[in-house]
Protein backbone atom coordinates (compact mmCIF):
# COMPACT_ATOMS: atom_id res chain seq x y z
CA MET A 1 -84.69 18.52 -23.11
CA PRO A 2 -85.12 20.28 -19.73
CA GLU A 3 -82.49 22.86 -18.74
CA SER A 4 -80.06 22.02 -15.92
CA SER A 5 -80.47 23.96 -12.71
CA PRO A 6 -77.66 26.21 -11.43
CA SER A 7 -77.01 23.65 -8.69
CA GLU A 8 -76.64 20.84 -11.21
CA ILE A 9 -74.34 23.00 -13.37
CA ALA A 10 -72.19 23.80 -10.36
CA GLN A 11 -71.96 20.15 -9.39
CA THR A 12 -70.96 19.21 -12.94
CA ASP A 13 -68.27 21.92 -13.03
CA TYR A 14 -66.95 20.84 -9.64
CA ARG A 15 -66.79 17.22 -10.76
CA LEU A 16 -64.88 18.23 -13.89
CA LEU A 17 -62.47 20.29 -11.78
CA VAL A 18 -61.78 17.40 -9.40
CA GLN A 19 -61.47 14.85 -12.19
CA ASN A 20 -58.86 16.86 -14.05
CA VAL A 21 -56.61 17.96 -11.17
CA VAL A 22 -53.25 16.20 -11.64
CA ASP A 23 -51.16 17.49 -8.70
CA TYR A 24 -53.44 15.92 -6.07
CA ALA A 25 -54.99 12.46 -5.78
CA ILE A 26 -58.64 13.25 -4.92
CA PHE A 27 -61.03 10.36 -4.47
CA MET A 28 -63.94 9.10 -2.38
CA LEU A 29 -64.25 6.19 0.02
CA ASP A 30 -67.42 4.55 1.20
CA PRO A 31 -67.93 4.25 5.00
CA GLN A 32 -66.00 0.95 4.99
CA GLY A 33 -63.00 2.47 3.16
CA ARG A 34 -63.61 1.10 -0.33
CA ILE A 35 -62.73 3.42 -3.22
CA VAL A 36 -65.74 4.79 -5.11
CA SER A 37 -64.20 7.55 -7.27
CA TRP A 38 -60.82 8.30 -8.89
CA ASN A 39 -59.35 11.41 -10.51
CA ALA A 40 -56.50 12.07 -12.94
CA GLY A 41 -54.18 13.12 -10.13
CA ALA A 42 -54.82 9.82 -8.32
CA GLU A 43 -53.93 7.87 -11.44
CA ARG A 44 -50.72 9.93 -11.95
CA ILE A 45 -49.56 9.78 -8.33
CA LYS A 46 -50.61 6.23 -7.36
CA GLY A 47 -50.31 4.53 -10.75
CA TYR A 48 -53.72 2.81 -10.90
CA ARG A 49 -56.33 3.36 -13.60
CA ALA A 50 -59.87 3.86 -12.33
CA GLU A 51 -61.07 0.45 -13.50
CA GLU A 52 -58.20 -1.19 -11.64
CA ILE A 53 -58.80 0.39 -8.26
CA ILE A 54 -62.45 1.39 -7.78
CA GLY A 55 -64.10 -1.04 -5.35
CA ARG A 56 -60.87 -2.02 -3.62
CA HIS A 57 -60.06 -1.07 -0.03
CA PHE A 58 -57.84 2.01 0.34
CA SER A 59 -55.44 0.07 2.60
CA VAL A 60 -53.84 -1.11 -0.64
CA PHE A 61 -51.93 2.21 -0.63
CA TYR A 62 -50.29 1.54 2.75
CA PRO A 63 -47.04 -0.36 3.36
CA PRO A 64 -47.53 -3.87 4.83
CA GLU A 65 -46.24 -2.83 8.23
CA ASP A 66 -48.86 -0.04 8.46
CA VAL A 67 -51.63 -2.43 7.38
CA ALA A 68 -50.49 -4.95 9.99
CA ALA A 69 -50.58 -2.20 12.63
CA GLY A 70 -54.16 -1.28 11.64
CA LYS A 71 -53.26 2.23 10.54
CA PRO A 72 -55.79 2.54 7.65
CA ALA A 73 -58.76 1.54 9.82
CA HIS A 74 -57.55 3.72 12.67
CA GLY A 75 -57.34 6.69 10.31
CA LEU A 76 -61.01 6.30 9.33
CA VAL A 77 -62.06 6.04 12.99
CA VAL A 78 -60.22 9.25 13.89
CA ALA A 79 -61.56 11.10 10.82
CA ALA A 80 -65.12 10.01 11.60
CA ALA A 81 -64.76 11.13 15.22
CA ASP A 82 -62.91 14.43 14.65
CA GLY A 83 -64.23 15.33 11.20
CA ARG A 84 -60.82 15.11 9.55
CA LEU A 85 -57.36 13.62 9.88
CA GLU A 86 -54.08 14.83 8.43
CA ASP A 87 -51.06 12.59 8.22
CA GLU A 88 -47.68 12.26 6.51
CA GLY A 89 -45.98 8.97 5.81
CA TRP A 90 -44.94 6.38 3.27
CA ARG A 91 -47.51 5.17 0.73
CA VAL A 92 -47.23 2.50 -2.00
CA ARG A 93 -47.79 2.92 -5.76
CA ALA A 94 -49.22 0.33 -8.10
CA ASP A 95 -45.70 -0.77 -9.12
CA GLY A 96 -44.72 -1.32 -5.49
CA THR A 97 -42.49 1.77 -5.14
CA ARG A 98 -42.96 4.01 -2.14
CA PHE A 99 -43.51 7.76 -1.99
CA TRP A 100 -43.84 10.23 0.88
CA ALA A 101 -47.39 11.49 1.04
CA ASN A 102 -49.33 14.23 2.75
CA VAL A 103 -52.85 12.84 3.33
CA VAL A 104 -56.05 14.54 4.46
CA ILE A 105 -59.10 12.33 5.16
CA THR A 106 -62.36 14.23 5.65
CA ALA A 107 -65.53 12.56 7.01
CA LEU A 108 -68.61 13.24 4.83
CA TYR A 109 -71.97 13.43 6.63
CA ASP A 110 -75.40 14.08 5.08
CA ASP A 111 -78.04 16.44 6.43
CA THR A 112 -79.31 13.78 8.83
CA GLY A 113 -75.85 13.26 10.32
CA GLU A 114 -75.34 9.91 8.69
CA LEU A 115 -71.76 9.08 7.61
CA ARG A 116 -71.82 8.75 3.82
CA GLY A 117 -68.11 8.11 3.37
CA PHE A 118 -64.78 9.95 3.25
CA GLY A 119 -63.00 12.36 0.97
CA LYS A 120 -59.31 11.69 0.61
CA VAL A 121 -56.72 14.12 -0.76
CA THR A 122 -53.15 12.88 -1.21
CA ARG A 123 -50.13 14.85 -2.37
CA ASP A 124 -46.75 13.39 -3.33
CA MET A 125 -44.24 15.14 -1.04
CA THR A 126 -41.25 12.93 -1.83
CA GLU A 127 -39.14 15.66 -3.46
CA ARG A 128 -39.90 18.15 -0.71
CA ARG A 129 -39.06 15.56 1.96
CA ILE A 130 -35.77 14.74 0.24
CA ALA A 131 -34.93 18.44 0.08
CA GLU A 132 -35.94 19.03 3.69
CA ARG A 133 -33.98 16.00 4.82
CA ALA A 134 -30.93 17.13 2.88
CA LEU A 135 -31.30 20.58 4.44
CA ARG A 136 -31.61 19.10 7.93
CA GLU A 137 -28.57 16.89 7.35
CA SER A 138 -26.62 19.87 6.01
CA GLU A 139 -27.64 21.97 9.01
CA GLU A 140 -26.71 19.14 11.33
CA ARG A 141 -23.29 18.76 9.68
CA PHE A 142 -22.75 22.49 9.91
CA ARG A 143 -23.85 22.47 13.55
CA LEU A 144 -21.42 19.65 14.31
CA ILE A 145 -18.60 21.49 12.56
CA VAL A 146 -19.30 24.71 14.45
CA GLN A 147 -19.75 22.91 17.76
CA ASN A 148 -16.44 21.08 17.45
CA VAL A 149 -14.21 23.87 16.10
CA VAL A 150 -11.66 24.66 18.81
CA ASP A 151 -9.54 27.40 17.21
CA TYR A 152 -12.43 29.87 16.99
CA ALA A 153 -15.07 30.87 19.51
CA ILE A 154 -18.30 30.74 17.46
CA PHE A 155 -21.56 31.60 19.16
CA MET A 156 -24.89 33.38 18.71
CA LEU A 157 -26.37 36.41 20.42
CA ASP A 158 -30.02 37.44 20.55
CA PRO A 159 -30.89 40.98 19.35
CA GLN A 160 -30.18 42.32 22.86
CA GLY A 161 -26.71 40.74 23.00
CA ARG A 162 -27.48 37.78 25.24
CA ILE A 163 -25.62 34.54 24.44
CA VAL A 164 -27.85 31.79 22.99
CA SER A 165 -25.29 29.22 21.75
CA TRP A 166 -21.74 28.15 22.61
CA ASN A 167 -19.17 25.96 20.86
CA ALA A 168 -16.07 24.03 21.97
CA GLY A 169 -13.78 26.81 20.73
CA ALA A 170 -15.63 29.37 22.83
CA GLN A 171 -15.19 27.19 25.91
CA ARG A 172 -11.47 26.71 25.19
CA ILE A 173 -10.73 30.37 24.42
CA LYS A 174 -13.01 32.12 26.91
CA GLY A 175 -13.02 29.51 29.68
CA TYR A 176 -16.79 29.30 30.28
CA ARG A 177 -18.85 26.12 30.00
CA ALA A 178 -22.10 26.47 28.06
CA GLU A 179 -24.29 26.21 31.18
CA GLU A 180 -22.26 29.00 32.82
CA ILE A 181 -22.56 31.56 30.04
CA ILE A 182 -25.70 30.98 27.93
CA GLY A 183 -28.25 33.65 28.80
CA ARG A 184 -25.67 36.19 29.98
CA HIS A 185 -24.85 39.38 28.09
CA PHE A 186 -21.76 39.19 25.88
CA SER A 187 -20.34 42.31 27.57
CA ALA A 188 -19.00 39.83 30.16
CA PHE A 189 -16.08 39.30 27.78
CA TYR A 190 -15.04 42.98 27.68
CA PRO A 191 -12.66 44.74 30.10
CA PRO A 192 -14.40 47.05 32.62
CA GLU A 193 -13.11 50.18 30.86
CA ASP A 194 -14.69 49.08 27.55
CA VAL A 195 -17.98 48.25 29.26
CA ALA A 196 -17.99 51.67 30.98
CA ALA A 197 -17.35 53.32 27.60
CA GLY A 198 -20.33 51.48 26.07
CA LYS A 199 -18.22 49.55 23.56
CA PRO A 200 -20.25 46.28 23.50
CA ALA A 201 -23.57 48.04 22.82
CA ARG A 202 -21.94 50.33 20.25
CA GLU A 203 -20.51 47.35 18.36
CA LEU A 204 -23.97 45.76 18.07
CA VAL A 205 -25.40 49.03 16.75
CA VAL A 206 -22.65 49.26 14.11
CA ALA A 207 -23.02 45.58 13.14
CA ALA A 208 -26.82 45.98 12.79
CA ALA A 209 -26.39 49.10 10.64
CA ASP A 210 -23.51 47.89 8.43
CA GLY A 211 -24.19 44.15 8.44
CA ARG A 212 -20.92 43.27 10.17
CA LEU A 213 -18.18 44.67 12.38
CA GLU A 214 -14.57 43.59 12.78
CA ASP A 215 -12.44 44.64 15.71
CA GLU A 216 -9.25 43.77 17.57
CA GLY A 217 -8.72 44.43 21.23
CA TRP A 218 -8.45 43.02 24.74
CA ARG A 219 -11.07 40.56 25.94
CA VAL A 220 -11.46 38.86 29.33
CA ARG A 221 -11.58 35.13 30.11
CA ALA A 222 -13.63 33.48 32.82
CA ASP A 223 -10.62 33.52 35.17
CA GLY A 224 -10.14 37.27 34.68
CA THR A 225 -7.04 37.04 32.49
CA ARG A 226 -6.96 39.10 29.32
CA PHE A 227 -6.22 37.99 25.77
CA TRP A 228 -5.90 39.88 22.48
CA ALA A 229 -8.81 38.98 20.22
CA ASN A 230 -9.85 39.39 16.62
CA VAL A 231 -13.66 39.67 16.63
CA VAL A 232 -16.20 39.59 13.81
CA ILE A 233 -19.86 40.32 14.62
CA THR A 234 -22.40 39.61 11.86
CA ALA A 235 -26.02 40.79 11.98
CA LEU A 236 -28.54 38.03 11.20
CA TYR A 237 -31.78 39.05 9.48
CA ASP A 238 -34.68 36.80 8.46
CA ASP A 239 -36.55 36.90 5.14
CA THR A 240 -38.80 39.69 6.39
CA GLY A 241 -35.83 41.90 7.27
CA GLU A 242 -36.28 41.45 11.02
CA LEU A 243 -33.09 41.32 13.11
CA ARG A 244 -32.95 37.86 14.69
CA GLY A 245 -29.62 38.26 16.45
CA PHE A 246 -25.88 38.24 15.80
CA GLY A 247 -23.22 35.68 14.93
CA LYS A 248 -19.94 36.26 16.75
CA VAL A 249 -16.57 34.73 15.83
CA THR A 250 -13.58 35.35 18.11
CA ARG A 251 -9.99 34.24 17.65
CA ASP A 252 -7.25 34.44 20.27
CA MET A 253 -4.47 36.49 18.65
CA THR A 254 -2.33 36.94 21.78
CA GLU A 255 0.64 34.92 20.53
CA ARG A 256 0.64 36.62 17.15
CA ARG A 257 0.44 40.06 18.74
CA THR A 258 3.29 39.23 21.13
CA ALA A 259 5.41 38.02 18.20
CA GLU A 260 4.58 41.11 16.13
CA ARG A 261 5.43 43.43 19.01
CA ALA A 262 8.72 41.57 19.57
CA LEU A 263 9.47 41.84 15.85
CA ASP A 264 8.61 45.55 15.86
CA GLU A 265 10.87 46.10 18.86
CA ARG A 266 13.69 44.15 17.19
CA SER A 267 13.18 46.15 14.01
CA ARG A 268 13.31 49.42 15.96
CA LEU A 269 16.49 48.34 17.73
CA LEU A 270 18.11 47.24 14.47
CA THR A 271 17.13 50.49 12.77
CA HIS A 272 18.57 52.48 15.65
CA LEU A 273 21.73 50.35 15.58
CA VAL A 274 22.21 50.74 11.83
CA HIS A 275 21.62 54.49 12.04
CA ALA A 276 24.07 54.82 14.93
CA GLN A 277 26.58 52.66 13.04
CA GLU A 278 26.34 54.84 9.92
CA MET A 279 26.73 58.04 11.94
CA GLU A 280 29.78 56.63 13.70
CA ARG A 281 31.28 55.44 10.40
CA ARG A 282 30.78 58.89 8.90
CA ARG A 283 32.29 60.61 11.96
CA ILE A 284 35.35 58.34 11.93
CA ALA A 285 35.75 58.68 8.16
CA TRP A 286 35.58 62.46 8.34
CA ASP A 287 37.96 62.61 11.32
CA VAL A 288 40.47 60.36 9.60
CA HIS A 289 40.12 62.20 6.28
CA ASP A 290 40.15 65.75 7.66
CA ASP A 291 42.65 65.25 10.46
CA THR A 292 44.83 62.13 10.31
CA ILE A 293 45.26 61.89 6.53
CA GLN A 294 45.87 65.62 6.14
CA SER A 295 48.49 65.54 8.90
CA MET A 296 50.20 62.53 7.32
CA VAL A 297 50.14 64.22 3.91
CA ALA A 298 51.91 67.18 5.50
CA VAL A 299 54.47 64.81 7.06
CA GLY A 300 55.03 63.18 3.68
CA MET A 301 55.58 66.53 2.01
CA ARG A 302 58.16 67.48 4.66
CA LEU A 303 59.93 64.11 4.26
CA GLN A 304 60.08 64.63 0.51
CA LEU A 305 61.61 68.11 1.01
CA LEU A 306 64.04 66.68 3.52
CA ALA A 307 65.07 63.87 1.16
CA ASP A 308 65.74 66.43 -1.55
CA GLN A 309 68.07 68.31 0.79
CA LEU A 310 69.97 65.28 2.04
CA GLU A 311 72.56 63.15 0.32
CA GLY A 312 73.63 59.55 0.42
CA GLU A 313 72.14 57.13 2.91
CA HIS A 314 70.30 59.88 4.72
CA ALA A 315 68.41 60.79 1.55
CA VAL A 316 67.59 57.12 0.87
CA GLY A 317 66.31 56.69 4.43
CA ALA A 318 64.10 59.79 4.16
CA ARG A 319 62.64 58.59 0.85
CA ARG A 320 61.89 55.12 2.28
CA LEU A 321 60.21 56.72 5.26
CA ASN A 322 58.18 58.90 2.88
CA GLU A 323 57.12 55.79 0.95
CA THR A 324 55.97 54.17 4.19
CA VAL A 325 53.93 57.26 5.05
CA SER A 326 52.43 57.30 1.53
CA ALA A 327 51.44 53.63 1.87
CA ALA A 328 49.82 54.38 5.24
CA ILE A 329 47.93 57.31 3.68
CA HIS A 330 46.70 55.00 0.91
CA ARG A 331 45.48 52.44 3.45
CA LEU A 332 43.75 55.14 5.49
CA ARG A 333 42.08 56.52 2.39
CA ASP A 334 40.88 53.01 1.55
CA LEU A 335 39.57 52.69 5.12
CA THR A 336 37.68 55.99 4.95
CA PHE A 337 36.29 54.97 1.58
CA ARG A 338 34.96 51.74 3.02
CA LEU A 339 33.57 53.51 6.06
CA ARG A 340 31.82 56.28 4.09
CA PRO A 341 32.61 56.89 0.42
CA PRO A 342 33.12 60.66 0.14
CA GLY A 343 31.37 60.78 -3.23
CA LEU A 344 28.17 59.42 -1.70
CA ASP A 345 27.58 62.46 0.50
CA ARG A 346 28.98 64.95 -1.99
CA ASP A 347 27.79 63.69 -5.40
CA GLY A 348 25.06 61.10 -4.70
CA LEU A 349 24.43 57.38 -5.14
CA VAL A 350 25.51 56.91 -8.76
CA GLU A 351 28.83 58.71 -8.25
CA GLY A 352 29.45 56.89 -4.97
CA LEU A 353 28.86 53.49 -6.57
CA THR A 354 30.99 54.41 -9.56
CA THR A 355 33.90 55.36 -7.33
CA TYR A 356 33.50 52.16 -5.30
CA LEU A 357 33.38 50.01 -8.44
CA ASP A 358 36.46 51.75 -9.84
CA GLN A 359 38.56 51.33 -6.71
CA VAL A 360 37.35 48.02 -5.23
CA VAL A 361 35.82 45.89 -7.97
CA THR A 362 38.30 46.78 -10.68
CA GLY A 363 41.10 46.36 -8.14
CA ALA A 364 39.92 42.77 -7.59
CA GLY A 365 40.37 41.97 -11.28
CA LEU A 366 36.69 42.23 -12.26
CA THR A 367 35.11 44.28 -15.00
CA TYR A 368 31.88 46.06 -14.23
CA THR A 369 28.90 47.75 -15.86
CA LEU A 370 26.79 50.31 -14.02
CA ARG A 371 23.39 51.12 -15.51
CA HIS A 372 21.03 53.66 -13.99
CA GLU A 373 17.58 54.91 -14.98
CA LEU A 374 16.72 57.14 -12.05
CA ASP A 375 14.19 59.95 -12.28
CA ARG A 376 16.26 61.77 -9.69
CA GLU A 377 18.81 61.11 -6.96
CA PRO A 378 17.29 59.28 -3.97
CA PRO A 379 17.41 60.86 -0.49
CA ALA A 380 20.55 60.32 1.59
CA GLU A 381 19.14 57.58 3.86
CA THR A 382 17.83 55.63 0.87
CA ALA A 383 21.14 56.08 -0.94
CA ILE A 384 23.22 54.72 1.93
CA THR A 385 20.89 51.69 2.30
CA ILE A 386 21.27 50.90 -1.41
CA PHE A 387 25.01 51.47 -1.29
CA ARG A 388 25.53 49.19 1.73
CA ILE A 389 23.51 46.34 0.20
CA CYS A 390 25.42 46.68 -3.08
CA GLN A 391 28.69 46.82 -1.13
CA GLU A 392 27.88 43.54 0.64
CA ALA A 393 26.69 41.89 -2.59
CA LEU A 394 29.88 42.92 -4.40
CA THR A 395 31.99 41.64 -1.50
CA ASN A 396 30.29 38.24 -1.89
CA VAL A 397 31.02 38.31 -5.63
CA ARG A 398 34.73 38.99 -5.00
CA LYS A 399 34.99 36.28 -2.35
CA HIS A 400 32.80 33.46 -3.66
CA ALA A 401 31.55 33.90 -7.24
CA GLN A 402 34.77 33.27 -9.22
CA ALA A 403 33.27 35.77 -11.64
CA LYS A 404 34.90 37.83 -14.37
CA ALA A 405 32.27 40.54 -14.69
CA VAL A 406 29.52 42.10 -12.62
CA THR A 407 26.58 44.34 -13.61
CA VAL A 408 24.87 46.79 -11.25
CA SER A 409 21.61 48.40 -12.37
CA LEU A 410 19.47 51.06 -10.69
CA ALA A 411 15.97 51.99 -11.81
CA SER A 412 13.09 54.06 -10.47
CA SER A 413 10.17 51.77 -9.65
CA GLY A 414 6.99 52.24 -7.63
CA HIS A 415 8.12 55.34 -5.68
CA GLY A 416 11.39 53.61 -4.86
CA VAL A 417 14.58 52.21 -6.37
CA LEU A 418 14.89 48.71 -7.82
CA THR A 419 18.50 47.49 -7.74
CA ARG A 420 20.10 44.39 -9.27
CA VAL A 421 23.64 43.08 -8.79
CA ALA A 422 24.36 40.21 -11.23
CA ASP A 423 27.58 38.29 -11.85
CA ASP A 424 28.72 35.65 -14.36
CA GLY A 425 30.29 33.39 -11.76
CA VAL A 426 29.67 29.81 -10.63
CA GLY A 427 26.25 30.53 -9.13
CA VAL A 428 24.39 28.41 -6.56
CA SER A 429 21.58 25.86 -6.91
CA ASP A 430 19.65 26.98 -3.81
CA PRO A 431 20.61 30.57 -2.99
CA ALA A 432 17.65 31.03 -0.64
CA GLY A 433 18.87 28.09 1.43
CA LEU A 434 22.09 29.99 2.19
CA LEU A 435 20.08 32.28 4.47
CA ALA A 436 20.04 29.47 7.04
CA VAL A 437 23.83 29.01 6.93
CA PRO A 438 25.71 30.95 9.68
CA ASP A 439 28.68 31.68 7.36
CA HIS A 440 26.40 33.66 5.09
CA PHE A 441 25.63 36.39 7.58
CA GLY A 442 26.14 38.93 4.80
CA LEU A 443 23.05 37.66 2.97
CA ILE A 444 20.97 38.02 6.11
CA GLU A 445 22.33 41.52 6.67
CA MET A 446 21.39 42.53 3.12
CA ARG A 447 17.84 41.25 3.53
CA GLU A 448 17.40 42.90 6.93
CA ARG A 449 18.69 46.25 5.65
CA ALA A 450 16.16 46.16 2.79
CA GLU A 451 13.27 45.10 5.04
CA MET A 452 14.12 47.66 7.72
CA ALA A 453 13.89 50.33 5.03
CA GLY A 454 10.38 49.07 4.15
CA GLY A 455 11.42 47.14 1.05
CA TRP A 456 12.26 43.58 0.02
CA TRP A 457 15.30 41.54 -1.03
CA SER A 458 15.83 38.31 -2.96
CA ILE A 459 18.63 36.20 -4.40
CA ARG A 460 18.47 33.70 -7.23
CA GLY A 461 20.88 31.84 -9.44
CA ARG A 462 21.84 28.58 -11.12
CA PRO A 463 25.09 26.60 -11.11
CA ASP A 464 27.50 27.89 -13.80
CA ASP A 465 25.06 30.67 -14.70
CA GLY A 466 25.86 33.32 -12.11
CA THR A 467 23.83 34.83 -9.30
CA MET A 468 21.64 37.90 -9.06
CA VAL A 469 20.81 39.87 -5.94
CA GLU A 470 17.68 41.96 -6.41
CA PHE A 471 16.08 44.38 -3.96
CA TRP A 472 13.71 47.33 -3.78
CA VAL A 473 13.56 50.08 -1.18
CA PRO A 474 11.19 53.06 -1.03
CA ALA A 475 12.70 56.46 -1.71
CA LEU A 476 11.83 58.13 1.59
CA ALA A 477 13.51 61.25 2.86
CA SER A 478 14.64 61.58 6.47
CA GLY A 479 11.70 61.94 8.84
CA GLY A 480 9.46 59.75 6.69
CA GLU A 481 8.68 62.37 4.03
CA ASP A 482 8.17 60.98 0.60
CA GLY A 483 11.27 61.60 -1.51
CA ARG A 484 9.99 59.89 -4.61
CA VAL A 485 12.51 58.82 -7.17
């Protein structure tokens, strides 16, 4: 048996390769378009066995509308004229189902230039097309979302900072129409002083280096008015690591900033007012205690001496007058206690609360328990804040709770003092709702005192199960130094 030549061996190997490829339909057509060969990939993709399809015209793979339009014949004409034709479109399997195909038809000429037929390679691209279509639809949905968002200015910059896209929010916030701003440098939105300082360029450098930059500051609208903006700039890199530009999201924060500044100003005024009020209370309390009460005590002592020296009605009159002076002294001492408990300045918070509970709460027919787990005595300003809130809470208990007992607890917590005032009275079903009732100004005052000190306040309770006021304030010394409890 003669040996095969290298050329024959190569042809055999190539035929075996083509026949066994399963990811591509590879087959031959004669010059008229009839099928003359068929590989495993063609059978898998198109669904025909070789004996079923060889000899038939390749137009059998095209949808009826393409056959009616003469697309198969036109494809052979173009391939014969240009040497090849590449196309994508719907094709039909043996069972009638359609698939999206990438098709390459190559004209095959012999050495004399005669057309011997066509080679046809088909790949099933249905899954890729579905994925690409889903991606396009997703991108389109995202584009529509971005384009129609009105609360945020969302737009793109090229690597040099020129604007390349513009959404409805950008037009609303910044005042430019797309045709007015696209192509211009985004520094148009910055105040002149920021542009002169190089802020826009510096922000792009930082965003490119760190991936993103967030900033708040003044920006300028098309009409020249300024607004306070929160800005996020995100660097956009492609798969090769090349910077393709920046995404920029801007939100108009002017109203929020105005509200915050108004709140800060109100807080400063309230803090100043409360501080001035406490200083005036202390001054009056000291003046009354050190001057008025002492003078009245001296008068009482003289009246007592005088009564001892007199007889009859004169002695009775002097004693009654002395009793009146003693009652006035008692009322003044109660006034000074309410203005500024002397024990608070002299002995600290626990002693001041104890004295107040002894004189006021017990005097109202209530029993009390005072628990304290303090690492150390809080600074004076913290102590007076805690005392005043407790004082208001206990006043509410006396007036409204119909309680028999009250418990006050103090504990060191998180560099501050956690305080609870709980009673066993009638309670309320919606204590938080009382904050909206004008008659409950005391609740609002308690909350504001706690919040002005940098803490928080809450109230909770249930009908017939009492009420608890709970608050926390940081233990800060005067001047803002940390006086940790």
